[in-house]
Amino acid sequence: CGERREADLIGVPSPFALTRKPTACPGLLEDEPDEQVAYWATGSG
């Protein structure tokens, strides 16, 4: 996540869509059928 300390991230919203079932259909290039992709911007942009 581009940080040095765990404390800097506690309470910060994560980029993950947390559902009990994967929302994305498995793609040809995915390593596992239940793996999803999220995007995160570090403090440096």
All heavy atoms as atom14 arrays in JSON, in Angstrom:
{
  "sequence": "CGERREADLIGVPSPFALTRKPTACPGLLEDEPDEQVAYWATGSG",
  "atom14_mask": [
    [1, 1, 1, 1, 1, 1, 0, 0, 0, 0, 0, 0, 0, 0],
    [1, 1, 1, 1, 0, 0, 0, 0, 0, 0, 0, 0, 0, 0],
    [1, 1, 1, 1, 1, 1, 1, 1, 1, 0, 0, 0, 0, 0],
    [1, 1, 1, 1, 1, 1, 1, 1, 1, 1, 1, 0, 0, 0],
    [1, 1, 1, 1, 1, 1, 1, 1, 1, 1, 1, 0, 0, 0],
    [1, 1, 1, 1, 1, 1, 1, 1, 1, 0, 0, 0, 0, 0],
    [1, 1, 1, 1, 1, 0, 0, 0, 0, 0, 0, 0, 0, 0],
    [1, 1, 1, 1, 1, 1, 1, 1, 0, 0, 0, 0, 0, 0],
    [1, 1, 1, 1, 1, 1, 1, 1, 0, 0, 0, 0, 0, 0],
    [1, 1, 1, 1, 1, 1, 1, 1, 0, 0, 0, 0, 0, 0],
    [1, 1, 1, 1, 0, 0, 0, 0, 0, 0, 0, 0, 0, 0],
    [1, 1, 1, 1, 1, 1, 1, 0, 0, 0, 0, 0, 0, 0],
    [1, 1, 1, 1, 1, 1, 1, 0, 0, 0, 0, 0, 0, 0],
    [1, 1, 1, 1, 1, 1, 0, 0, 0, 0, 0, 0, 0, 0],
    [1, 1, 1, 1, 1, 1, 1, 0, 0, 0, 0, 0, 0, 0],
    [1, 1, 1, 1, 1, 1, 1, 1, 1, 1, 1, 0, 0, 0],
    [1, 1, 1, 1, 1, 0, 0, 0, 0, 0, 0, 0, 0, 0],
    [1, 1, 1, 1, 1, 1, 1, 1, 0, 0, 0, 0, 0, 0],
    [1, 1, 1, 1, 1, 1, 1, 0, 0, 0, 0, 0, 0, 0],
    [1, 1, 1, 1, 1, 1, 1, 1, 1, 1, 1, 0, 0, 0],
    [1, 1, 1, 1, 1, 1, 1, 1, 1, 0, 0, 0, 0, 0],
    [1, 1, 1, 1, 1, 1, 1, 0, 0, 0, 0, 0, 0, 0],
    [1, 1, 1, 1, 1, 1, 1, 0, 0, 0, 0, 0, 0, 0],
    [1, 1, 1, 1, 1, 0, 0, 0, 0, 0, 0, 0, 0, 0],
    [1, 1, 1, 1, 1, 1, 0, 0, 0, 0, 0, 0, 0, 0],
    [1, 1, 1, 1, 1, 1, 1, 0, 0, 0, 0, 0, 0, 0],
    [1, 1, 1, 1, 0, 0, 0, 0, 0, 0, 0, 0, 0, 0],
    [1, 1, 1, 1, 1, 1, 1, 1, 0, 0, 0, 0, 0, 0],
    [1, 1, 1, 1, 1, 1, 1, 1, 0, 0, 0, 0, 0, 0],
    [1, 1, 1, 1, 1, 1, 1, 1, 1, 0, 0, 0, 0, 0],
    [1, 1, 1, 1, 1, 1, 1, 1, 0, 0, 0, 0, 0, 0],
    [1, 1, 1, 1, 1, 1, 1, 1, 1, 0, 0, 0, 0, 0],
    [1, 1, 1, 1, 1, 1, 1, 0, 0, 0, 0, 0, 0, 0],
    [1, 1, 1, 1, 1, 1, 1, 1, 0, 0, 0, 0, 0, 0],
    [1, 1, 1, 1, 1, 1, 1, 1, 1, 0, 0, 0, 0, 0],
    [1, 1, 1, 1, 1, 1, 1, 1, 1, 0, 0, 0, 0, 0],
    [1, 1, 1, 1, 1, 1, 1, 0, 0, 0, 0, 0, 0, 0],
    [1, 1, 1, 1, 1, 0, 0, 0, 0, 0, 0, 0, 0, 0],
    [1, 1, 1, 1, 1, 1, 1, 1, 1, 1, 1, 1, 0, 0],
    [1, 1, 1, 1, 1, 1, 1, 1, 1, 1, 1, 1, 1, 1],
    [1, 1, 1, 1, 1, 0, 0, 0, 0, 0, 0, 0, 0, 0],
    [1, 1, 1, 1, 1, 1, 1, 0, 0, 0, 0, 0, 0, 0],
    [1, 1, 1, 1, 0, 0, 0, 0, 0, 0, 0, 0, 0, 0],
    [1, 1, 1, 1, 1, 1, 0, 0, 0, 0, 0, 0, 0, 0],
    [1, 1, 1, 1, 0, 0, 0, 0, 0, 0, 0, 0, 0, 0]
  ],
  "atom14_positions": [
    [[0.82, -1.22, 0.0], [0.0, 0.0, 0.0], [0.85, 1.26, 0.0], [0.31, 2.38, 0.01], [-0.93, 0.01, 1.2], [-2.23, -1.26, 1.11], [0.0, 0.0, 0.0], [0.0, 0.0, 0.0], [0.0, 0.0, 0.0], [0.0, 0.0, 0.0], [0.0, 0.0, 0.0], [0.0, 0.0, 0.0], [0.0, 0.0, 0.0], [0.0, 0.0, 0.0]],
    [[2.18, 1.1, -0.01], [3.07, 2.25, -0.13], [3.31, 2.99, 1.16], [3.73, 4.16, 1.12], [0.0, 0.0, 0.0], [0.0, 0.0, 0.0], [0.0, 0.0, 0.0], [0.0, 0.0, 0.0], [0.0, 0.0, 0.0], [0.0, 0.0, 0.0], [0.0, 0.0, 0.0], [0.0, 0.0, 0.0], [0.0, 0.0, 0.0], [0.0, 0.0, 0.0]],
    [[3.07, 2.35, 2.3], [3.29, 3.0, 3.6], [4.42, 2.29, 4.35], [4.86, 1.19, 3.97], [2.0, 2.97, 4.44], [0.83, 3.69, 3.79], [1.04, 5.19, 3.69], [1.96, 5.72, 4.38], [0.31, 5.85, 2.93], [0.0, 0.0, 0.0], [0.0, 0.0, 0.0], [0.0, 0.0, 0.0], [0.0, 0.0, 0.0], [0.0, 0.0, 0.0]],
    [[4.88, 2.92, 5.41], [5.94, 2.33, 6.22], [5.43, 1.73, 7.52], [6.04, 0.83, 8.08], [7.0, 3.39, 6.53], [7.76, 3.89, 5.31], [8.86, 4.84, 5.73], [9.65, 5.26, 4.58], [10.7, 6.07, 4.67], [11.09, 6.54, 5.86], [11.37, 6.43, 3.58], [0.0, 0.0, 0.0], [0.0, 0.0, 0.0], [0.0, 0.0, 0.0]],
    [[4.29, 2.29, 8.01], [3.78, 1.82, 9.31], [2.35, 1.33, 9.16], [1.56, 1.89, 8.41], [3.82, 2.95, 10.34], [5.21, 3.53, 10.59], [5.13, 4.56, 11.71], [4.07, 5.56, 11.43], [3.49, 6.31, 12.37], [3.83, 6.16, 13.64], [2.59, 7.2, 12.03], [0.0, 0.0, 0.0], [0.0, 0.0, 0.0], [0.0, 0.0, 0.0]],
    [[2.05, 0.27, 9.9], [0.69, -0.28, 9.9], [-0.29, 0.75, 10.44], [-1.43, 0.87, 9.95], [0.64, -1.55, 10.75], [-0.75, -2.18, 10.81], [-0.79, -3.38, 11.74], [0.16, -3.57, 12.52], [-1.79, -4.12, 11.7], [0.0, 0.0, 0.0], [0.0, 0.0, 0.0], [0.0, 0.0, 0.0], [0.0, 0.0, 0.0], [0.0, 0.0, 0.0]],
    [[0.14, 1.54, 11.39], [-0.76, 2.52, 12.03], [-1.28, 3.54, 11.02], [-2.37, 4.1, 11.21], [-0.03, 3.22, 13.18], [0.0, 0.0, 0.0], [0.0, 0.0, 0.0], [0.0, 0.0, 0.0], [0.0, 0.0, 0.0], [0.0, 0.0, 0.0], [0.0, 0.0, 0.0], [0.0, 0.0, 0.0], [0.0, 0.0, 0.0], [0.0, 0.0, 0.0]],
    [[-0.51, 3.8, 9.96], [-0.94, 4.79, 8.97], [-2.12, 4.3, 8.15], [-2.76, 5.1, 7.44], [0.22, 5.14, 8.04], [1.37, 5.83, 8.77], [1.09, 6.51, 9.77], [2.53, 5.67, 8.32], [0.0, 0.0, 0.0], [0.0, 0.0, 0.0], [0.0, 0.0, 0.0], [0.0, 0.0, 0.0], [0.0, 0.0, 0.0], [0.0, 0.0, 0.0]],
    [[-2.41, 3.01, 8.19], [-3.49, 2.44, 7.38], [-4.7, 1.99, 8.19], [-5.76, 1.75, 7.62], [-2.95, 1.25, 6.57], [-1.96, 1.61, 5.45], [-1.26, 0.36, 4.93], [-2.67, 2.31, 4.31], [0.0, 0.0, 0.0], [0.0, 0.0, 0.0], [0.0, 0.0, 0.0], [0.0, 0.0, 0.0], [0.0, 0.0, 0.0], [0.0, 0.0, 0.0]],
    [[-4.56, 1.85, 9.5], [-5.67, 1.4, 10.32], [-6.81, 2.42, 10.24], [-6.61, 3.62, 10.45], [-5.23, 1.21, 11.79], [-4.1, 0.19, 11.88], [-6.42, 0.78, 12.65], [-4.47, -1.17, 11.34], [0.0, 0.0, 0.0], [0.0, 0.0, 0.0], [0.0, 0.0, 0.0], [0.0, 0.0, 0.0], [0.0, 0.0, 0.0], [0.0, 0.0, 0.0]],
    [[-8.0, 1.93, 9.89], [-9.17, 2.8, 9.76], [-9.34, 3.43, 8.39], [-10.37, 4.07, 8.12], [0.0, 0.0, 0.0], [0.0, 0.0, 0.0], [0.0, 0.0, 0.0], [0.0, 0.0, 0.0], [0.0, 0.0, 0.0], [0.0, 0.0, 0.0], [0.0, 0.0, 0.0], [0.0, 0.0, 0.0], [0.0, 0.0, 0.0], [0.0, 0.0, 0.0]],
    [[-8.36, 3.25, 7.51], [-8.45, 3.8, 6.16], [-9.3, 2.86, 5.29], [-9.16, 1.63, 5.37], [-7.04, 3.95, 5.55], [-7.13, 4.38, 4.08], [-6.23, 4.94, 6.37], [0.0, 0.0, 0.0], [0.0, 0.0, 0.0], [0.0, 0.0, 0.0], [0.0, 0.0, 0.0], [0.0, 0.0, 0.0], [0.0, 0.0, 0.0], [0.0, 0.0, 0.0]],
    [[-10.22, 3.39, 4.45], [-11.01, 2.52, 3.57], [-10.11, 1.72, 2.63], [-9.2, 2.26, 2.0], [-11.89, 3.5, 2.79], [-11.97, 4.71, 3.66], [-10.63, 4.8, 4.35], [0.0, 0.0, 0.0], [0.0, 0.0, 0.0], [0.0, 0.0, 0.0], [0.0, 0.0, 0.0], [0.0, 0.0, 0.0], [0.0, 0.0, 0.0], [0.0, 0.0, 0.0]],
    [[-10.35, 0.44, 2.54], [-9.59, -0.43, 1.64], [-10.2, -0.36, 0.23], [-11.34, 0.1, 0.07], [-9.63, -1.87, 2.13], [-10.89, -2.46, 1.85], [0.0, 0.0, 0.0], [0.0, 0.0, 0.0], [0.0, 0.0, 0.0], [0.0, 0.0, 0.0], [0.0, 0.0, 0.0], [0.0, 0.0, 0.0], [0.0, 0.0, 0.0], [0.0, 0.0, 0.0]],
    [[-9.46, -0.82, -0.77], [-10.0, -0.79, -2.13], [-10.83, -2.03, -2.5], [-11.33, -2.11, -3.61], [-8.73, -0.74, -2.99], [-7.74, -1.53, -2.22], [-8.03, -1.25, -0.77], [0.0, 0.0, 0.0], [0.0, 0.0, 0.0], [0.0, 0.0, 0.0], [0.0, 0.0, 0.0], [0.0, 0.0, 0.0], [0.0, 0.0, 0.0], [0.0, 0.0, 0.0]],
    [[-10.99, -2.95, -1.56], [-11.55, -4.26, -1.9], [-13.07, -4.25, -1.82], [-13.67, -3.68, -0.9], [-10.99, -5.33, -0.97], [-9.5, -5.29, -0.85], [-8.88, -4.97, 0.36], [-8.71, -5.53, -1.96], [-7.51, -4.92, 0.46], [-7.33, -5.47, -1.86], [-6.72, -5.16, -0.65], [0.0, 0.0, 0.0], [0.0, 0.0, 0.0], [0.0, 0.0, 0.0]],
    [[-13.71, -4.89, -2.81], [-15.16, -5.09, -2.8], [-15.41, -6.4, -2.07], [-15.12, -7.48, -2.59], [-15.7, -5.14, -4.22], [0.0, 0.0, 0.0], [0.0, 0.0, 0.0], [0.0, 0.0, 0.0], [0.0, 0.0, 0.0], [0.0, 0.0, 0.0], [0.0, 0.0, 0.0], [0.0, 0.0, 0.0], [0.0, 0.0, 0.0], [0.0, 0.0, 0.0]],
    [[-15.92, -6.31, -0.83], [-16.04, -7.49, 0.02], [-17.43, -8.09, -0.1], [-18.41, -7.58, 0.44], [-15.74, -7.11, 1.47], [-14.34, -6.5, 1.69], [-14.15, -6.09, 3.14], [-13.27, -7.48, 1.26], [0.0, 0.0, 0.0], [0.0, 0.0, 0.0], [0.0, 0.0, 0.0], [0.0, 0.0, 0.0], [0.0, 0.0, 0.0], [0.0, 0.0, 0.0]],
    [[-17.56, -9.13, -0.87], [-18.8, -9.87, -1.02], [-18.5, -11.34, -0.77], [-17.37, -11.8, -0.9], [-19.38, -9.71, -2.44], [-18.4, -10.14, -3.38], [-19.74, -8.26, -2.72], [0.0, 0.0, 0.0], [0.0, 0.0, 0.0], [0.0, 0.0, 0.0], [0.0, 0.0, 0.0], [0.0, 0.0, 0.0], [0.0, 0.0, 0.0], [0.0, 0.0, 0.0]],
    [[-19.53, -12.1, -0.43], [-19.31, -13.51, -0.15], [-19.04, -14.31, -1.41], [-18.46, -15.37, -1.38], [-20.54, -14.09, 0.57], [-20.72, -13.46, 1.94], [-21.79, -14.17, 2.73], [-21.93, -13.58, 4.06], [-21.17, -13.88, 5.1], [-20.19, -14.76, 4.96], [-21.36, -13.31, 6.27], [0.0, 0.0, 0.0], [0.0, 0.0, 0.0], [0.0, 0.0, 0.0]],
    [[-19.47, -13.78, -2.56], [-19.21, -14.43, -3.84], [-18.51, -13.44, -4.75], [-18.79, -12.25, -4.7], [-20.52, -14.9, -4.5], [-21.21, -16.01, -3.73], [-22.46, -16.48, -4.47], [-23.14, -17.61, -3.7], [-24.35, -18.1, -4.42], [0.0, 0.0, 0.0], [0.0, 0.0, 0.0], [0.0, 0.0, 0.0], [0.0, 0.0, 0.0], [0.0, 0.0, 0.0]],
    [[-17.61, -13.9, -5.58], [-16.91, -12.98, -6.5], [-17.88, -12.34, -7.46], [-18.78, -13.0, -8.0], [-15.91, -13.9, -7.24], [-16.47, -15.29, -7.08], [-17.18, -15.31, -5.76], [0.0, 0.0, 0.0], [0.0, 0.0, 0.0], [0.0, 0.0, 0.0], [0.0, 0.0, 0.0], [0.0, 0.0, 0.0], [0.0, 0.0, 0.0], [0.0, 0.0, 0.0]],
    [[-17.7, -11.04, -7.65], [-18.6, -10.31, -8.56], [-18.13, -10.4, -10.0], [-18.92, -10.22, -10.92], [-18.67, -8.83, -8.15], [-17.36, -8.29, -8.15], [-19.26, -8.69, -6.75], [0.0, 0.0, 0.0], [0.0, 0.0, 0.0], [0.0, 0.0, 0.0], [0.0, 0.0, 0.0], [0.0, 0.0, 0.0], [0.0, 0.0, 0.0], [0.0, 0.0, 0.0]],
    [[-16.85, -10.64, -10.21], [-16.33, -10.69, -11.57], [-16.32, -12.12, -12.09], [-15.99, -13.05, -11.37], [-14.91, -10.12, -11.61], [0.0, 0.0, 0.0], [0.0, 0.0, 0.0], [0.0, 0.0, 0.0], [0.0, 0.0, 0.0], [0.0, 0.0, 0.0], [0.0, 0.0, 0.0], [0.0, 0.0, 0.0], [0.0, 0.0, 0.0], [0.0, 0.0, 0.0]],
    [[-16.71, -12.29, -13.35], [-16.63, -13.6, -13.96], [-15.17, -13.96, -14.17], [-14.35, -13.09, -14.48], [-17.36, -13.62, -15.31], [-19.13, -13.34, -15.15], [0.0, 0.0, 0.0], [0.0, 0.0, 0.0], [0.0, 0.0, 0.0], [0.0, 0.0, 0.0], [0.0, 0.0, 0.0], [0.0, 0.0, 0.0], [0.0, 0.0, 0.0], [0.0, 0.0, 0.0]],
    [[-14.81, -15.23, -14.0], [-13.41, -15.61, -14.21], [-12.98, -15.33, -15.63], [-13.71, -15.59, -16.58], [-13.4, -17.11, -13.91], [-14.82, -17.55, -14.08], [-15.66, -16.39, -13.68], [0.0, 0.0, 0.0], [0.0, 0.0, 0.0], [0.0, 0.0, 0.0], [0.0, 0.0, 0.0], [0.0, 0.0, 0.0], [0.0, 0.0, 0.0], [0.0, 0.0, 0.0]],
    [[-11.8, -14.74, -15.77], [-11.28, -14.42, -17.1], [-10.18, -15.37, -17.51], [-9.63, -16.13, -16.71], [0.0, 0.0, 0.0], [0.0, 0.0, 0.0], [0.0, 0.0, 0.0], [0.0, 0.0, 0.0], [0.0, 0.0, 0.0], [0.0, 0.0, 0.0], [0.0, 0.0, 0.0], [0.0, 0.0, 0.0], [0.0, 0.0, 0.0], [0.0, 0.0, 0.0]],
    [[-9.86, -15.32, -18.78], [-8.85, -16.22, -19.34], [-7.5, -16.0, -18.68], [-6.72, -16.94, -18.49], [-8.74, -15.99, -20.85], [-7.68, -16.8, -21.6], [-7.99, -18.29, -21.51], [-7.59, -16.36, -23.05], [0.0, 0.0, 0.0], [0.0, 0.0, 0.0], [0.0, 0.0, 0.0], [0.0, 0.0, 0.0], [0.0, 0.0, 0.0], [0.0, 0.0, 0.0]],
    [[-7.2, -14.77, -18.29], [-5.88, -14.45, -17.76], [-5.82, -14.49, -16.24], [-4.77, -14.21, -15.65], [-5.44, -13.07, -18.25], [-5.36, -12.91, -19.77], [-4.96, -11.49, -20.12], [-4.36, -13.9, -20.35], [0.0, 0.0, 0.0], [0.0, 0.0, 0.0], [0.0, 0.0, 0.0], [0.0, 0.0, 0.0], [0.0, 0.0, 0.0], [0.0, 0.0, 0.0]],
    [[-6.9, -14.81, -15.56], [-6.89, -14.88, -14.11], [-6.23, -16.17, -13.64], [-6.41, -17.24, -14.23], [-8.31, -14.79, -13.57], [-8.93, -13.41, -13.74], [-10.32, -13.33, -13.15], [-10.93, -14.39, -12.91], [-10.79, -12.22, -12.93], [0.0, 0.0, 0.0], [0.0, 0.0, 0.0], [0.0, 0.0, 0.0], [0.0, 0.0, 0.0], [0.0, 0.0, 0.0]],
    [[-5.46, -16.05, -12.54], [-4.77, -17.22, -12.0], [-5.73, -18.17, -11.29], [-5.57, -19.38, -11.32], [-3.67, -16.79, -11.03], [-2.56, -16.03, -11.76], [-2.39, -16.27, -12.97], [-1.91, -15.21, -11.11], [0.0, 0.0, 0.0], [0.0, 0.0, 0.0], [0.0, 0.0, 0.0], [0.0, 0.0, 0.0], [0.0, 0.0, 0.0], [0.0, 0.0, 0.0]],
    [[-6.71, -17.62, -10.61], [-7.68, -18.42, -9.86], [-9.09, -17.93, -10.2], [-9.31, -16.75, -10.46], [-7.46, -18.28, -8.35], [-6.12, -18.84, -7.89], [-6.01, -20.34, -8.05], [-7.06, -21.0, -8.11], [-4.88, -20.85, -8.1], [0.0, 0.0, 0.0], [0.0, 0.0, 0.0], [0.0, 0.0, 0.0], [0.0, 0.0, 0.0], [0.0, 0.0, 0.0]],
    [[-10.09, -18.83, -10.18], [-11.43, -18.43, -10.6], [-12.1, -17.44, -9.67], [-13.03, -16.76, -10.07], [-12.19, -19.77, -10.64], [-11.43, -20.68, -9.74], [-9.99, -20.27, -9.89], [0.0, 0.0, 0.0], [0.0, 0.0, 0.0], [0.0, 0.0, 0.0], [0.0, 0.0, 0.0], [0.0, 0.0, 0.0], [0.0, 0.0, 0.0], [0.0, 0.0, 0.0]],
    [[-11.63, -17.36, -8.39], [-12.29, -16.44, -7.46], [-11.46, -15.19, -7.19], [-11.74, -14.46, -6.26], [-12.61, -17.15, -6.14], [-11.35, -17.62, -5.43], [-10.29, -17.65, -6.08], [-11.43, -17.96, -4.23], [0.0, 0.0, 0.0], [0.0, 0.0, 0.0], [0.0, 0.0, 0.0], [0.0, 0.0, 0.0], [0.0, 0.0, 0.0], [0.0, 0.0, 0.0]],
    [[-10.45, -14.93, -8.0], [-9.59, -13.76, -7.8], [-10.19, -12.54, -8.49], [-10.64, -12.62, -9.63], [-8.19, -14.05, -8.35], [-7.14, -13.08, -7.84], [-5.74, -13.53, -8.22], [-5.55, -13.9, -9.4], [-4.84, -13.53, -7.34], [0.0, 0.0, 0.0], [0.0, 0.0, 0.0], [0.0, 0.0, 0.0], [0.0, 0.0, 0.0], [0.0, 0.0, 0.0]],
    [[-10.2, -11.42, -7.78], [-10.7, -10.17, -8.32], [-9.57, -9.14, -8.34], [-8.5, -9.37, -7.77], [-11.88, -9.67, -7.48], [-13.04, -10.66, -7.43], [-14.17, -10.13, -6.57], [-14.98, -9.33, -7.02], [-14.22, -10.58, -5.33], [0.0, 0.0, 0.0], [0.0, 0.0, 0.0], [0.0, 0.0, 0.0], [0.0, 0.0, 0.0], [0.0, 0.0, 0.0]],
    [[-9.83, -8.0, -9.0], [-8.82, -6.95, -9.11], [-9.37, -5.65, -8.54], [-10.5, -5.26, -8.83], [-8.38, -6.75, -10.58], [-7.38, -5.6, -10.69], [-7.76, -8.03, -11.13], [0.0, 0.0, 0.0], [0.0, 0.0, 0.0], [0.0, 0.0, 0.0], [0.0, 0.0, 0.0], [0.0, 0.0, 0.0], [0.0, 0.0, 0.0], [0.0, 0.0, 0.0]],
    [[-8.56, -4.99, -7.71], [-8.9, -3.68, -7.15], [-7.74, -2.73, -7.42], [-6.61, -3.16, -7.65], [-9.18, -3.78, -5.66], [0.0, 0.0, 0.0], [0.0, 0.0, 0.0], [0.0, 0.0, 0.0], [0.0, 0.0, 0.0], [0.0, 0.0, 0.0], [0.0, 0.0, 0.0], [0.0, 0.0, 0.0], [0.0, 0.0, 0.0], [0.0, 0.0, 0.0]],
    [[-8.04, -1.42, -7.36], [-7.01, -0.41, -7.66], [-6.81, 0.49, -6.46], [-7.77, 0.9, -5.78], [-7.42, 0.41, -8.89], [-7.5, -0.44, -10.15], [-8.71, -0.99, -10.56], [-6.35, -0.73, -10.88], [-8.78, -1.79, -11.69], [-6.41, -1.51, -12.03], [-7.63, -2.05, -12.42], [-7.68, -2.85, -13.53], [0.0, 0.0, 0.0], [0.0, 0.0, 0.0]],
    [[-5.54, 0.81, -6.2], [-5.17, 1.56, -5.0], [-4.19, 2.66, -5.4], [-3.25, 2.43, -6.16], [-4.52, 0.61, -4.0], [-3.91, 1.26, -2.81], [-2.6, 1.58, -2.63], [-4.57, 1.65, -1.6], [-2.39, 2.16, -1.39], [-3.6, 2.21, -0.73], [-5.9, 1.6, -1.17], [-3.92, 2.7, 0.53], [-6.21, 2.08, 0.09], [-5.23, 2.63, 0.93]],
    [[-4.4, 3.85, -4.88], [-3.5, 4.97, -5.1], [-2.66, 5.19, -3.86], [-3.2, 5.41, -2.76], [-4.27, 6.23, -5.44], [0.0, 0.0, 0.0], [0.0, 0.0, 0.0], [0.0, 0.0, 0.0], [0.0, 0.0, 0.0], [0.0, 0.0, 0.0], [0.0, 0.0, 0.0], [0.0, 0.0, 0.0], [0.0, 0.0, 0.0], [0.0, 0.0, 0.0]],
    [[-1.34, 5.1, -3.98], [-0.45, 5.3, -2.85], [-0.38, 6.78, -2.48], [-0.9, 7.64, -3.19], [0.97, 4.79, -3.18], [1.53, 5.62, -4.21], [0.93, 3.35, -3.67], [0.0, 0.0, 0.0], [0.0, 0.0, 0.0], [0.0, 0.0, 0.0], [0.0, 0.0, 0.0], [0.0, 0.0, 0.0], [0.0, 0.0, 0.0], [0.0, 0.0, 0.0]],
    [[0.26, 7.05, -1.36], [0.38, 8.43, -0.92], [1.13, 9.3, -1.91], [0.91, 10.52, -1.96], [0.0, 0.0, 0.0], [0.0, 0.0, 0.0], [0.0, 0.0, 0.0], [0.0, 0.0, 0.0], [0.0, 0.0, 0.0], [0.0, 0.0, 0.0], [0.0, 0.0, 0.0], [0.0, 0.0, 0.0], [0.0, 0.0, 0.0], [0.0, 0.0, 0.0]],
    [[2.02, 8.69, -2.72], [2.78, 9.46, -3.71], [2.03, 9.61, -5.03], [2.54, 10.22, -5.97], [4.12, 8.76, -3.98], [3.91, 7.45, -4.51], [0.0, 0.0, 0.0], [0.0, 0.0, 0.0], [0.0, 0.0, 0.0], [0.0, 0.0, 0.0], [0.0, 0.0, 0.0], [0.0, 0.0, 0.0], [0.0, 0.0, 0.0], [0.0, 0.0, 0.0]],
    [[0.81, 9.04, -5.1], [0.01, 9.17, -6.31], [0.17, 8.02, -7.28], [-0.49, 8.0, -8.34], [0.0, 0.0, 0.0], [0.0, 0.0, 0.0], [0.0, 0.0, 0.0], [0.0, 0.0, 0.0], [0.0, 0.0, 0.0], [0.0, 0.0, 0.0], [0.0, 0.0, 0.0], [0.0, 0.0, 0.0], [0.0, 0.0, 0.0], [0.0, 0.0, 0.0]]
  ]
}
